[in-house]
Amino acid sequence: MSSTSLDARRRAQVFAELESRTFDLAVIGGGITGAGIARDAAMRGLSVALVEARDYASGTSSRSSKMIHGGLRYLAQGDIALVKEAASERQILRRIAPHLTRLSPFLIPTTNMAMTAKLRTGLWAFEKLGGVPEAEKHEVIGLGELQRREPLMRTGGLNGAVLYPEFLTDDARLVLANVRSARGAGAVVVNHAAASELTGDGLVATSTLDDGRGARIRAKLVVNAAGAWVDKVRGLEAGETDTRMSMSRGIHLVLPRARLPVNSTIIIRAPDKRSVFAVPRGAFTYIGTTDVFHDGAVYWPAPTRDDIDYLLRAAEAALRVDPIRDGEIVSLWSGVRPLIAQPGKKANEISRKDEIWTSPSGLVSIAGGKLSAYRAMAGRVVDLVLERLGKSAPPCSSAHTPLPGGSREVRLAGLDPLAAERLAGLYGDEANEIVIAGGDIAAEAARAVTHEGASTLEDYWVRRSARAWFDEGAGLGALAPAAEAMGALLGWDDAMKAAQIAHCRAINDESRRLLGE
């Protein structure tokens, strides 16, 4: 097994290796689906290349509600298979990445006994399907206990609540852990490298950084796991111009926990009957999400004022809080969900099932699916790849091998509890290496370059550290020290450091464009 380190200083060598070999499989897309496929295939002994146009997890896979949930709502839709898969997958993920599966009580307020009974029936089925341990089964609480646990709840019209444990994650770090694990199993991976051409015997990857690099990658089979950009990659093939994807926009707002002091993840019924979440995370609480059609696949879809107000009004209707002012919002993130187009359905009615398509020339594309079930999706794709290649390989073992950071107990002595919780949640058993290196922003940013493939300040600020969303002042204060540390390793001059900082500030400014004070 090779090292799981992704060293951004080795880009030249990585491109040279991509050019010099013939791979069994080339994967386009470094979101959760592509990362999972690359990991599984490499662990089964295939030679694998993975290219990602921007950064790992830079699309949908860093913009989710950050939950590994079993999909209770799919039970209501009668999709038993999807629920069973998601429910059992979350237990597997808990085993291989305990630091990325933080157990949190989810609370559903109930209005009458009939609603409670219906929820209990669903949860019993969910627990049975997913092999939920006895200690983590749901409980029903009355009004008094609800008021004790969540004093902020407006309880008029309620008769209590149902509590059940679910898992919260850091979605971008989960992707990174899978990419690093793929690397450890021998895959050759590179970010900031777009598939610019399909060649019949592989693809051409072109650097999207200003370094002029590229590689012609020869591969026996190409899998398109580009998420929201699946149709764009399909369009590189002659005749594959139909649209199969539909985008839906989701936004999340982050507030200080002191402003919205919830103890559980509270499921709020919005005026349009959709479920919205208020989720505690460290010193913050985030509210999400919206689900409206969005025109086109973009990295930073602009939220609308309606999106923002929808979430604020839903929270204010459910919780006893003064009206939330725009100026109190620490940060907000938005993203697009790639859904399989189903004309005539609303965005929130479209199935989250994945589909696999094969073009006449042999390009395999996978689209749709859920974060929770990524590993099972990857397994199905790799089974198909092996069949197409006529290869035999050991069965999938990704359920039994810990992801980087997930193998030992985390002990962080002498740190502020919130700082310790944050480091353990990001780095797992590797957190001590950050502490030993100084435990500060510079230590995190340097590790992002040397071990985590970060080539830009945005890579660190948004996806390696989550400071863009979960830090005081949206982490803008971290930009200068992080740019110093990264620049020392990557050879940035003062102009480059300034440009990197300006780029991140522009992302923050644009996300806040519709906010007043």
Protein backbone atom coordinates (compact mmCIF):
# COMPACT_ATOMS: atom_id res chain seq x y z
CA MET A 1 0.00 0.00 0.00
CA SER A 2 1.31 3.44 -0.87
CA SER A 3 0.94 6.56 1.24
CA THR A 4 -2.46 8.23 1.49
CA SER A 5 -0.82 11.68 1.31
CA LEU A 6 -1.88 13.97 -1.53
CA ASP A 7 1.00 16.42 -1.90
CA ALA A 8 0.05 19.41 -4.05
CA ARG A 9 3.76 20.07 -4.68
CA ARG A 10 3.94 16.87 -6.75
CA ARG A 11 1.58 17.95 -9.56
CA ALA A 12 4.27 17.65 -12.25
CA GLN A 13 5.08 14.07 -11.22
CA VAL A 14 1.37 13.13 -11.06
CA PHE A 15 0.72 14.41 -14.59
CA ALA A 16 3.83 12.54 -15.81
CA GLU A 17 2.55 9.31 -14.23
CA LEU A 18 -0.91 9.79 -15.75
CA GLU A 19 0.72 10.19 -19.17
CA SER A 20 3.08 7.22 -18.86
CA ARG A 21 0.71 4.39 -17.91
CA THR A 22 -2.32 2.57 -19.28
CA PHE A 23 -5.05 2.25 -16.65
CA ASP A 24 -7.88 -0.24 -16.29
CA LEU A 25 -10.18 2.60 -15.29
CA ALA A 26 -10.23 6.40 -15.53
CA VAL A 27 -12.78 8.17 -13.33
CA ILE A 28 -13.96 11.69 -14.22
CA GLY A 29 -15.18 13.55 -11.13
CA GLY A 30 -13.81 13.86 -7.61
CA GLY A 31 -17.05 14.24 -5.70
CA ILE A 32 -18.30 11.54 -3.35
CA THR A 33 -19.37 9.21 -6.17
CA GLY A 34 -16.11 9.37 -8.15
CA ALA A 35 -14.03 9.17 -4.97
CA GLY A 36 -15.96 6.10 -3.81
CA ILE A 37 -15.58 4.39 -7.20
CA ALA A 38 -11.82 5.08 -7.35
CA ARG A 39 -11.35 3.74 -3.81
CA ASP A 40 -13.35 0.57 -4.37
CA ALA A 41 -11.75 -0.17 -7.78
CA ALA A 42 -8.21 0.40 -6.51
CA MET A 43 -8.86 -1.76 -3.44
CA ARG A 44 -9.99 -4.57 -5.75
CA GLY A 45 -6.70 -4.40 -7.64
CA LEU A 46 -7.62 -2.34 -10.70
CA SER A 47 -5.23 0.36 -11.91
CA VAL A 48 -7.16 3.62 -11.52
CA ALA A 49 -6.77 7.27 -12.53
CA LEU A 50 -9.08 9.96 -11.17
CA VAL A 51 -9.34 13.52 -12.47
CA GLU A 52 -11.34 16.36 -10.94
CA ALA A 53 -11.89 19.63 -12.81
CA ARG A 54 -11.90 21.86 -9.71
CA ASP A 55 -11.17 20.53 -6.25
CA TYR A 56 -12.27 17.32 -4.60
CA ALA A 57 -15.86 17.80 -3.36
CA SER A 58 -16.04 21.28 -4.88
CA GLY A 59 -19.50 20.67 -6.37
CA THR A 60 -22.52 19.17 -4.63
CA SER A 61 -20.40 17.05 -2.29
CA SER A 62 -19.41 20.02 -0.11
CA ARG A 63 -22.82 21.75 -0.20
CA SER A 64 -25.07 19.13 1.40
CA SER A 65 -26.90 19.36 4.73
CA LYS A 66 -23.94 17.35 6.10
CA MET A 67 -26.03 14.40 7.24
CA ILE A 68 -25.55 10.68 6.83
CA HIS A 69 -29.21 9.88 7.23
CA GLY A 70 -31.24 6.81 6.49
CA GLY A 71 -33.83 8.53 4.34
CA LEU A 72 -36.98 8.32 6.45
CA ARG A 73 -38.88 10.34 3.86
CA TYR A 74 -38.17 7.68 1.25
CA LEU A 75 -40.00 5.21 3.50
CA ALA A 76 -43.08 7.42 3.19
CA GLN A 77 -42.64 7.24 -0.60
CA GLY A 78 -42.54 3.43 -0.35
CA ASP A 79 -38.92 3.17 -1.52
CA ILE A 80 -37.94 0.36 0.83
CA ALA A 81 -34.77 -0.63 -1.07
CA LEU A 82 -33.34 2.92 -0.90
CA VAL A 83 -34.10 3.14 2.83
CA LYS A 84 -32.56 -0.25 3.57
CA GLU A 85 -29.40 0.63 1.68
CA ALA A 86 -29.02 4.09 3.25
CA ALA A 87 -29.79 2.83 6.77
CA SER A 88 -27.27 -0.01 6.64
CA GLU A 89 -24.67 2.15 4.86
CA ARG A 90 -24.62 4.68 7.68
CA GLN A 91 -23.70 1.92 10.15
CA ILE A 92 -20.83 0.86 7.85
CA LEU A 93 -19.62 4.45 7.58
CA ARG A 94 -19.71 4.78 11.32
CA ARG A 95 -17.37 1.79 11.53
CA ILE A 96 -14.84 2.97 8.93
CA ALA A 97 -14.95 6.72 9.72
CA PRO A 98 -16.10 7.27 13.31
CA HIS A 99 -14.80 10.86 13.24
CA LEU A 100 -17.05 11.66 10.25
CA THR A 101 -20.22 10.18 11.74
CA ARG A 102 -21.16 12.24 14.76
CA LEU A 103 -24.25 10.85 16.45
CA SER A 104 -26.86 13.55 17.01
CA PRO A 105 -30.45 13.30 18.22
CA PHE A 106 -32.95 14.33 15.53
CA LEU A 107 -36.20 15.71 16.92
CA ILE A 108 -39.54 15.66 15.08
CA PRO A 109 -42.26 17.67 16.86
CA THR A 110 -45.65 15.92 16.83
CA THR A 111 -49.13 17.46 16.88
CA ASN A 112 -51.34 14.50 17.85
CA MET A 113 -51.32 10.82 18.74
CA ALA A 114 -52.07 9.76 15.17
CA MET A 115 -48.94 11.56 13.90
CA THR A 116 -46.88 9.99 16.71
CA ALA A 117 -48.20 6.52 15.84
CA LYS A 118 -47.48 6.98 12.14
CA LEU A 119 -43.91 8.13 12.86
CA ARG A 120 -43.33 5.23 15.25
CA THR A 121 -44.48 2.73 12.63
CA GLY A 122 -42.08 4.25 10.10
CA LEU A 123 -39.20 4.29 12.59
CA TRP A 124 -39.78 0.68 13.65
CA ALA A 125 -39.54 -0.35 9.99
CA PHE A 126 -36.50 1.90 9.50
CA GLU A 127 -34.73 0.42 12.55
CA LYS A 128 -35.46 -3.14 11.45
CA LEU A 129 -34.29 -2.51 7.88
CA GLY A 130 -31.11 -0.76 8.98
CA GLY A 131 -30.06 -3.02 11.85
CA VAL A 132 -30.17 -0.12 14.32
CA PRO A 133 -28.67 -1.10 17.73
CA GLU A 134 -31.09 -1.28 20.67
CA ALA A 135 -29.47 1.68 22.44
CA GLU A 136 -30.09 3.90 19.42
CA LYS A 137 -33.76 3.24 18.82
CA HIS A 138 -36.26 6.08 18.78
CA GLU A 139 -38.10 7.39 21.81
CA VAL A 140 -41.31 9.34 22.23
CA ILE A 141 -41.27 12.33 24.59
CA GLY A 142 -44.15 14.36 25.98
CA LEU A 143 -44.62 18.11 25.98
CA GLY A 144 -42.88 18.68 29.32
CA GLU A 145 -39.77 16.75 28.27
CA LEU A 146 -39.74 18.54 24.90
CA GLN A 147 -39.79 21.93 26.67
CA ARG A 148 -36.98 20.79 28.98
CA ARG A 149 -34.78 19.55 26.13
CA GLU A 150 -35.51 22.36 23.68
CA PRO A 151 -36.66 25.45 25.59
CA LEU A 152 -36.62 27.46 22.35
CA MET A 153 -39.41 25.41 20.72
CA ARG A 154 -42.81 26.99 20.21
CA THR A 155 -45.05 24.25 21.63
CA GLY A 156 -48.53 25.60 20.80
CA GLY A 157 -50.42 22.86 18.96
CA LEU A 158 -47.79 20.21 19.79
CA ASN A 159 -48.24 17.13 21.98
CA GLY A 160 -44.55 16.19 22.21
CA ALA A 161 -41.91 14.84 19.84
CA VAL A 162 -40.22 11.75 18.50
CA LEU A 163 -36.43 11.55 18.97
CA TYR A 164 -34.20 9.30 16.93
CA PRO A 165 -30.40 9.26 16.48
CA GLU A 166 -28.87 10.18 13.13
CA PHE A 167 -25.36 11.04 11.99
CA LEU A 168 -23.84 14.38 11.04
CA THR A 169 -20.71 14.53 8.92
CA ASP A 170 -18.29 16.88 7.22
CA ASP A 171 -19.13 16.05 3.62
CA ALA A 172 -16.00 17.54 2.01
CA ARG A 173 -13.73 15.73 4.47
CA LEU A 174 -15.57 12.47 3.76
CA VAL A 175 -14.80 12.88 0.05
CA LEU A 176 -11.17 13.72 0.82
CA ALA A 177 -10.85 10.63 3.03
CA ASN A 178 -12.10 8.45 0.15
CA VAL A 179 -9.71 10.08 -2.34
CA ARG A 180 -6.80 9.59 0.06
CA SER A 181 -7.81 5.96 0.62
CA ALA A 182 -7.93 5.43 -3.17
CA ARG A 183 -4.44 6.92 -3.35
CA GLY A 184 -3.28 4.57 -0.60
CA ALA A 185 -4.59 1.63 -2.65
CA GLY A 186 -2.55 2.75 -5.66
CA ALA A 187 -4.86 5.09 -7.60
CA VAL A 188 -3.30 8.11 -9.34
CA VAL A 189 -5.46 11.12 -8.49
CA VAL A 190 -5.33 14.79 -9.42
CA ASN A 191 -7.56 17.78 -8.78
CA HIS A 192 -7.78 20.99 -10.82
CA ALA A 193 -7.57 18.89 -13.99
CA ALA A 194 -10.58 18.84 -16.33
CA ALA A 195 -11.46 16.09 -18.79
CA SER A 196 -11.31 18.25 -21.92
CA GLU A 197 -11.56 15.47 -24.52
CA LEU A 198 -12.60 11.82 -24.77
CA THR A 199 -10.19 10.04 -27.09
CA GLY A 200 -11.60 6.55 -27.63
CA ASP A 201 -8.78 5.02 -25.64
CA GLY A 202 -9.15 7.31 -22.62
CA LEU A 203 -9.22 11.07 -22.19
CA VAL A 204 -7.21 14.27 -22.18
CA ALA A 205 -6.90 16.02 -18.82
CA THR A 206 -6.07 19.72 -18.86
CA SER A 207 -5.00 21.65 -15.76
CA THR A 208 -7.44 24.34 -14.65
CA LEU A 209 -4.69 26.11 -12.70
CA ASP A 210 -2.40 28.50 -14.51
CA ASP A 211 0.43 25.99 -14.77
CA GLY A 212 0.03 24.76 -18.35
CA ARG A 213 -0.03 21.09 -17.37
CA GLY A 214 -1.98 18.30 -19.03
CA ALA A 215 -1.92 14.60 -19.79
CA ARG A 216 -3.32 12.16 -22.32
CA ILE A 217 -4.61 9.35 -20.12
CA ARG A 218 -4.97 5.91 -21.67
CA ALA A 219 -7.63 3.76 -19.99
CA LYS A 220 -9.53 0.63 -20.96
CA LEU A 221 -12.75 2.10 -19.55
CA VAL A 222 -13.89 5.59 -18.57
CA VAL A 223 -16.51 6.28 -15.89
CA ASN A 224 -18.21 9.67 -15.85
CA ALA A 225 -19.06 10.53 -12.24
CA ALA A 226 -19.11 14.30 -12.75
CA GLY A 227 -22.27 14.91 -10.72
CA ALA A 228 -24.01 18.08 -11.86
CA TRP A 229 -21.67 18.07 -14.88
CA VAL A 230 -22.49 14.52 -16.06
CA ASP A 231 -24.32 15.85 -19.14
CA LYS A 232 -21.38 18.14 -19.96
CA VAL A 233 -18.96 15.17 -19.94
CA ARG A 234 -21.44 13.06 -21.94
CA GLY A 235 -21.52 15.91 -24.46
CA LEU A 236 -17.82 15.34 -25.21
CA GLU A 237 -18.97 12.28 -27.14
CA ALA A 238 -20.48 12.63 -30.60
CA GLY A 239 -24.24 12.12 -30.51
CA GLU A 240 -24.59 12.29 -26.72
CA THR A 241 -26.25 15.70 -26.54
CA ASP A 242 -29.58 14.93 -24.83
CA THR A 243 -30.22 16.36 -21.35
CA ARG A 244 -30.77 13.76 -18.67
CA MET A 245 -30.07 15.85 -15.58
CA SER A 246 -32.14 18.42 -13.73
CA MET A 247 -30.62 20.79 -11.15
CA SER A 248 -32.16 21.78 -7.85
CA ARG A 249 -30.72 24.58 -5.66
CA GLY A 250 -30.27 24.18 -1.93
CA ILE A 251 -29.01 26.88 0.45
CA HIS A 252 -28.03 26.85 4.13
CA LEU A 253 -27.66 29.74 6.58
CA VAL A 254 -25.19 29.67 9.50
CA LEU A 255 -25.89 31.58 12.73
CA PRO A 256 -24.06 31.79 16.06
CA ARG A 257 -25.23 28.96 18.33
CA ALA A 258 -25.85 31.61 21.00
CA ARG A 259 -28.45 33.17 18.69
CA LEU A 260 -30.16 29.85 17.92
CA PRO A 261 -29.27 27.62 20.90
CA VAL A 262 -30.78 24.29 19.89
CA ASN A 263 -29.52 21.05 21.45
CA SER A 264 -30.81 18.54 18.89
CA THR A 265 -31.20 18.64 15.14
CA ILE A 266 -34.76 19.96 14.99
CA ILE A 267 -36.91 19.06 12.02
CA ILE A 268 -39.08 22.06 11.26
CA ARG A 269 -42.21 21.95 9.14
CA ALA A 270 -41.99 24.85 6.68
CA PRO A 271 -45.17 26.64 5.49
CA ASP A 272 -45.12 24.59 2.26
CA LYS A 273 -45.04 21.37 4.36
CA ARG A 274 -41.40 20.58 3.49
CA SER A 275 -38.98 19.64 6.26
CA VAL A 276 -36.26 22.13 7.17
CA PHE A 277 -33.46 21.38 9.65
CA ALA A 278 -31.91 23.47 12.41
CA VAL A 279 -28.60 21.75 13.15
CA PRO A 280 -26.16 22.47 16.03
CA ARG A 281 -22.45 22.31 15.10
CA GLY A 282 -19.88 23.54 17.60
CA ALA A 283 -20.32 27.27 18.18
CA PHE A 284 -22.85 27.52 15.33
CA THR A 285 -26.32 26.44 14.25
CA TYR A 286 -27.17 26.07 10.58
CA ILE A 287 -30.58 26.05 8.92
CA GLY A 288 -31.36 24.33 5.63
CA THR A 289 -32.32 23.57 3.05
CA THR A 290 -34.26 24.82 0.07
CA ASP A 291 -35.16 22.65 -2.93
CA VAL A 292 -36.04 24.63 -6.05
CA PHE A 293 -35.12 24.08 -9.67
CA HIS A 294 -31.99 25.88 -10.81
CA ASP A 295 -31.06 26.59 -14.39
CA GLY A 296 -27.73 24.95 -15.15
CA ALA A 297 -24.83 23.34 -13.31
CA VAL A 298 -22.79 26.04 -11.55
CA TYR A 299 -20.30 25.91 -8.67
CA TRP A 300 -21.69 28.91 -6.80
CA PRO A 301 -25.43 29.17 -7.59
CA ALA A 302 -26.66 32.57 -6.42
CA PRO A 303 -29.23 32.29 -3.63
CA THR A 304 -32.39 34.33 -4.07
CA ARG A 305 -33.95 36.56 -1.43
CA ASP A 306 -36.88 34.12 -1.38
CA ASP A 307 -34.48 31.28 -0.48
CA ILE A 308 -33.07 33.25 2.46
CA ASP A 309 -36.45 34.42 3.74
CA TYR A 310 -37.96 30.94 3.40
CA LEU A 311 -35.42 29.52 5.87
CA LEU A 312 -35.51 32.48 8.27
CA ARG A 313 -39.32 32.54 8.46
CA ALA A 314 -39.51 28.75 8.94
CA ALA A 315 -37.04 28.96 11.86
CA GLU A 316 -38.82 31.93 13.44
CA ALA A 317 -42.21 30.17 13.18
CA ALA A 318 -40.89 27.06 14.97
CA LEU A 319 -38.58 28.65 17.54
CA ARG A 320 -39.11 31.42 20.09
CA VAL A 321 -36.52 33.85 18.78
CA ASP A 322 -36.53 37.52 17.89
CA PRO A 323 -36.66 38.09 14.12
CA ILE A 324 -33.26 37.18 12.68
CA ARG A 325 -31.50 40.09 11.02
CA ASP A 326 -29.38 39.58 7.92
CA GLY A 327 -26.33 40.96 9.72
CA GLU A 328 -26.49 38.07 12.22
CA ILE A 329 -25.94 35.48 9.49
CA VAL A 330 -22.32 34.32 9.81
CA SER A 331 -22.17 32.65 6.40
CA LEU A 332 -24.31 30.88 3.86
CA TRP A 333 -23.61 28.24 1.29
CA SER A 334 -25.50 27.19 -1.79
CA GLY A 335 -25.16 24.31 -4.21
CA VAL A 336 -26.96 22.39 -6.89
CA ARG A 337 -28.22 18.83 -6.55
CA PRO A 338 -27.88 16.73 -9.68
CA LEU A 339 -31.19 14.92 -10.11
CA ILE A 340 -32.31 12.55 -12.85
CA ALA A 341 -34.80 14.63 -14.86
CA GLN A 342 -38.43 13.66 -14.25
CA PRO A 343 -40.61 16.13 -16.19
CA GLY A 344 -43.75 17.26 -14.39
CA LYS A 345 -42.41 16.68 -10.87
CA LYS A 346 -41.41 19.31 -8.33
CA ALA A 347 -37.75 19.36 -7.31
CA ASN A 348 -38.45 17.85 -3.88
CA GLU A 349 -40.56 15.05 -5.44
CA ILE A 350 -37.81 13.75 -7.75
CA SER A 351 -36.31 10.42 -6.68
CA ARG A 352 -32.76 10.48 -5.31
CA LYS A 353 -32.06 7.05 -6.81
CA ASP A 354 -28.93 6.68 -8.87
CA GLU A 355 -28.90 5.50 -12.49
CA ILE A 356 -26.09 4.09 -14.62
CA TRP A 357 -26.00 4.65 -18.39
CA THR A 358 -23.60 3.28 -21.00
CA SER A 359 -23.12 5.14 -24.30
CA PRO A 360 -22.72 3.30 -27.63
CA SER A 361 -18.96 3.95 -27.51
CA GLY A 362 -18.69 2.56 -23.97
CA LEU A 363 -18.61 5.59 -21.65
CA VAL A 364 -20.21 4.60 -18.35
CA SER A 365 -22.05 7.48 -16.61
CA ILE A 366 -23.52 7.41 -13.12
CA ALA A 367 -25.86 10.12 -11.87
CA GLY A 368 -28.22 10.81 -9.00
CA GLY A 369 -27.94 9.02 -5.68
CA LYS A 370 -27.41 10.14 -2.10
CA LEU A 371 -24.35 10.95 -0.01
CA SER A 372 -25.44 8.31 2.53
CA ALA A 373 -25.34 5.49 -0.03
CA TYR A 374 -22.21 6.49 -1.98
CA ARG A 375 -20.27 3.34 -1.07
CA ALA A 376 -23.00 0.99 -2.28
CA MET A 377 -23.35 2.99 -5.51
CA ALA A 378 -19.60 2.75 -6.05
CA GLY A 379 -19.73 -1.01 -5.52
CA ARG A 380 -22.35 -1.41 -8.25
CA VAL A 381 -20.29 0.64 -10.70
CA VAL A 382 -17.10 -1.32 -9.99
CA ASP A 383 -18.97 -4.61 -10.43
CA LEU A 384 -20.07 -3.36 -13.87
CA VAL A 385 -16.52 -2.20 -14.70
CA LEU A 386 -15.09 -5.63 -13.84
CA GLU A 387 -17.73 -7.31 -15.97
CA ARG A 388 -16.99 -5.00 -18.91
CA LEU A 389 -13.24 -5.56 -18.57
CA GLY A 390 -13.70 -9.31 -18.24
CA LYS A 391 -11.67 -9.30 -15.04
CA SER A 392 -12.20 -11.23 -11.86
CA ALA A 393 -11.37 -9.52 -8.61
CA PRO A 394 -11.95 -10.03 -4.91
CA PRO A 395 -15.33 -8.79 -3.67
CA CYS A 396 -15.67 -5.21 -2.47
CA SER A 397 -13.86 -4.71 0.86
CA SER A 398 -14.48 -0.98 1.33
CA ALA A 399 -16.93 -1.68 4.16
CA HIS A 400 -14.20 -3.15 6.37
CA THR A 401 -11.19 -0.88 5.80
CA PRO A 402 -11.00 2.31 7.88
CA LEU A 403 -10.77 5.60 6.02
CA PRO A 404 -7.78 7.84 6.86
CA GLY A 405 -8.34 9.40 10.27
CA GLY A 406 -10.76 6.70 11.34
CA SER A 407 -8.74 3.94 12.97
CA ARG A 408 -7.92 4.99 16.54
CA GLU A 409 -9.45 6.86 19.43
CA VAL A 410 -8.81 10.60 19.32
CA ARG A 411 -7.18 12.15 22.40
CA LEU A 412 -6.59 15.88 22.38
CA ALA A 413 -5.37 17.11 25.75
CA GLY A 414 -5.28 20.70 26.91
CA LEU A 415 -7.47 22.19 24.15
CA ASP A 416 -10.58 24.29 24.50
CA PRO A 417 -13.52 21.79 24.17
CA LEU A 418 -14.94 23.43 21.03
CA ALA A 419 -11.50 23.56 19.39
CA ALA A 420 -10.92 19.90 20.28
CA GLU A 421 -14.35 18.93 18.92
CA ARG A 422 -13.64 20.77 15.67
CA LEU A 423 -10.20 19.19 15.14
CA ALA A 424 -11.43 15.68 15.99
CA GLY A 425 -14.37 16.08 13.60
CA LEU A 426 -12.14 17.22 10.72
CA TYR A 427 -9.04 15.08 11.19
CA GLY A 428 -10.02 12.14 13.40
CA ASP A 429 -6.96 10.29 14.72
CA GLU A 430 -4.69 12.58 12.65
CA ALA A 431 -5.74 15.63 14.69
CA ASN A 432 -2.74 15.33 17.01
CA GLU A 433 -0.44 15.93 14.05
CA ILE A 434 -2.04 19.37 13.67
CA VAL A 435 -1.61 20.04 17.40
CA ILE A 436 2.05 18.96 17.30
CA ALA A 437 2.64 21.27 14.31
CA GLY A 438 1.37 24.24 16.31
CA GLY A 439 -2.39 23.69 16.28
CA ASP A 440 -3.03 26.94 14.42
CA ILE A 441 -4.26 28.03 10.99
CA ALA A 442 -0.75 27.79 9.55
CA ALA A 443 -0.47 24.15 10.70
CA GLU A 444 -3.82 23.28 9.10
CA ALA A 445 -3.01 25.11 5.85
CA ALA A 446 0.42 23.49 5.53
CA ARG A 447 -1.09 20.04 6.04
CA ALA A 448 -3.75 20.87 3.44
CA VAL A 449 -0.93 21.30 0.89
CA THR A 450 1.35 18.43 1.91
CA HIS A 451 -1.22 15.73 2.78
CA GLU A 452 -4.57 16.83 1.36
CA GLY A 453 -3.91 18.07 -2.18
CA ALA A 454 -4.90 21.71 -1.61
CA SER A 455 -3.52 23.88 -4.42
CA THR A 456 -5.55 27.04 -3.81
CA LEU A 457 -6.52 29.05 -0.75
CA GLU A 458 -10.18 28.30 -1.52
CA ASP A 459 -9.40 24.57 -1.24
CA TYR A 460 -8.25 25.12 2.35
CA TRP A 461 -10.73 27.79 3.43
CA VAL A 462 -13.88 26.09 2.11
CA ARG A 463 -13.24 22.36 1.97
CA ARG A 464 -10.24 21.33 4.13
CA SER A 465 -11.03 23.47 7.17
CA ALA A 466 -14.75 24.41 6.77
CA ARG A 467 -13.75 27.87 8.01
CA ALA A 468 -15.73 29.53 5.20
CA TRP A 469 -18.92 28.32 6.86
CA PHE A 470 -18.11 27.52 10.50
CA ASP A 471 -15.78 30.18 11.82
CA GLU A 472 -16.23 33.65 13.25
CA GLY A 473 -16.63 36.18 10.44
CA ALA A 474 -16.86 33.38 7.85
CA GLY A 475 -13.18 32.61 8.43
CA LEU A 476 -11.99 35.73 6.59
CA GLY A 477 -9.44 36.30 9.37
CA ALA A 478 -7.84 32.95 8.51
CA LEU A 479 -7.13 33.88 4.89
CA ALA A 480 -3.90 35.84 5.37
CA PRO A 481 -2.11 33.36 7.70
CA ALA A 482 -3.29 30.43 5.55
CA ALA A 483 -2.04 32.13 2.37
CA GLU A 484 1.35 32.70 4.04
CA ALA A 485 1.69 29.03 5.01
CA MET A 486 0.48 27.70 1.65
CA GLY A 487 2.49 30.24 -0.31
CA ALA A 488 5.73 29.21 1.42
CA LEU A 489 5.17 25.64 0.20
CA LEU A 490 3.74 26.38 -3.25
CA GLY A 491 6.05 29.26 -4.19
CA TRP A 492 3.46 32.05 -4.25
CA ASP A 493 4.80 35.59 -4.49
CA ASP A 494 3.04 38.51 -2.78
CA ALA A 495 0.84 39.18 -5.82
CA MET A 496 -0.30 35.55 -5.91
CA LYS A 497 -1.08 35.53 -2.18
CA ALA A 498 -3.10 38.72 -2.60
CA ALA A 499 -4.98 37.24 -5.57
CA GLN A 500 -5.82 34.06 -3.63
CA ILE A 501 -7.16 36.11 -0.69
CA ALA A 502 -9.15 38.38 -3.03
CA HIS A 503 -10.73 35.35 -4.72
CA CYS A 504 -11.98 33.96 -1.39
CA ARG A 505 -13.25 37.36 -0.26
CA ALA A 506 -15.16 37.66 -3.55
CA ILE A 507 -16.86 34.29 -2.93
CA ASN A 508 -17.96 35.50 0.50
CA ASP A 509 -19.09 38.90 -0.81
CA GLU A 510 -21.11 37.30 -3.61
CA SER A 511 -22.82 34.86 -1.24
CA ARG A 512 -23.84 37.83 0.96
CA ARG A 513 -24.87 40.09 -1.90
CA LEU A 514 -28.57 39.94 -1.01
CA LEU A 515 -28.06 40.38 2.72
CA GLY A 516 -28.66 43.70 4.41
CA GLU A 517 -27.53 44.40 7.97
